Amino acid sequence: MEVKIKSFDVDMDVKTKGIEFQVRSPDGKTHHGDLILGKGNLEWCKGRTHRGKGKKIPWKKFIEWAESV
């Protein structure tokens, strides 16, 4: 996968809008979606889904899932 940061502030703290990662196929032709890391949750926006309309998961639930794998 090719993962790019779509926007990035110089300040390393996650701000209200969060950090947005663009996920594409290795050849760069297929846009799989965007992953937004925010203060309260992670949001996966599949394909061309816009921010706020994706699948959200709270950090606590994500951590529980990641530690169980």
Protein backbone atom coordinates (compact mmCIF):
# COMPACT_ATOMS: atom_id res chain seq x y z
CA MET A 1 0.00 0.00 0.00
CA GLU A 2 1.02 3.57 -0.60
CA VAL A 3 0.11 5.82 2.32
CA LYS A 4 0.40 9.61 2.14
CA ILE A 5 -0.38 12.33 4.63
CA LYS A 6 -2.87 14.63 2.92
CA SER A 7 -2.33 17.54 5.31
CA PHE A 8 0.15 17.93 8.15
CA ASP A 9 0.65 20.78 10.62
CA VAL A 10 4.13 21.51 11.90
CA ASP A 11 2.82 21.12 15.47
CA MET A 12 2.94 17.41 16.32
CA ASP A 13 -0.13 17.42 18.59
CA VAL A 14 -3.29 16.12 16.94
CA LYS A 15 -5.62 19.07 16.53
CA THR A 16 -9.40 19.14 16.21
CA LYS A 17 -9.39 18.17 12.51
CA GLY A 18 -6.90 15.34 13.08
CA ILE A 19 -4.37 13.90 10.67
CA GLU A 20 -5.57 12.49 7.35
CA PHE A 21 -3.79 9.65 5.55
CA GLN A 22 -4.53 8.81 1.92
CA VAL A 23 -4.29 5.06 1.15
CA ARG A 24 -3.62 3.99 -2.46
CA SER A 25 -2.47 0.82 -4.19
CA PRO A 26 1.32 0.44 -4.64
CA ASP A 27 1.02 1.48 -8.30
CA GLY A 28 -0.89 4.60 -7.21
CA LYS A 29 -3.82 3.92 -9.53
CA THR A 30 -6.42 2.76 -7.01
CA HIS A 31 -7.60 5.04 -4.20
CA HIS A 32 -8.69 2.72 -1.37
CA GLY A 33 -9.73 5.48 1.02
CA ASP A 34 -8.63 7.89 3.74
CA LEU A 35 -7.84 7.24 7.40
CA ILE A 36 -8.38 10.16 9.75
CA LEU A 37 -6.74 10.01 13.17
CA GLY A 38 -8.43 12.38 15.58
CA LYS A 39 -8.30 13.04 19.30
CA GLY A 40 -11.39 10.96 20.04
CA ASN A 41 -11.46 8.34 17.30
CA LEU A 42 -10.21 6.93 14.02
CA GLU A 43 -12.37 7.23 10.92
CA TRP A 44 -12.05 5.11 7.77
CA CYS A 45 -13.52 6.74 4.67
CA LYS A 46 -13.63 4.02 2.01
CA GLY A 47 -13.07 5.18 -1.56
CA ARG A 48 -14.38 8.69 -2.10
CA THR A 49 -16.40 8.83 1.14
CA HIS A 50 -16.11 12.27 2.73
CA ARG A 51 -14.89 13.03 6.24
CA GLY A 52 -17.72 12.65 8.74
CA LYS A 53 -19.49 9.98 6.67
CA GLY A 54 -16.99 7.16 7.23
CA LYS A 55 -16.80 4.37 9.80
CA LYS A 56 -15.68 5.70 13.20
CA ILE A 57 -14.08 3.73 16.00
CA PRO A 58 -13.07 5.12 19.41
CA TRP A 59 -9.40 4.83 20.33
CA LYS A 60 -10.20 2.54 23.27
CA LYS A 61 -12.02 0.04 21.04
CA PHE A 62 -9.22 0.18 18.43
CA ILE A 63 -6.57 -0.47 21.12
CA GLU A 64 -8.57 -3.44 22.46
CA TRP A 65 -8.84 -4.87 18.94
CA ALA A 66 -5.15 -4.29 18.12
CA GLU A 67 -3.99 -5.94 21.34
CA SER A 68 -6.22 -8.98 20.74
CA VAL A 69 -4.80 -9.74 17.27
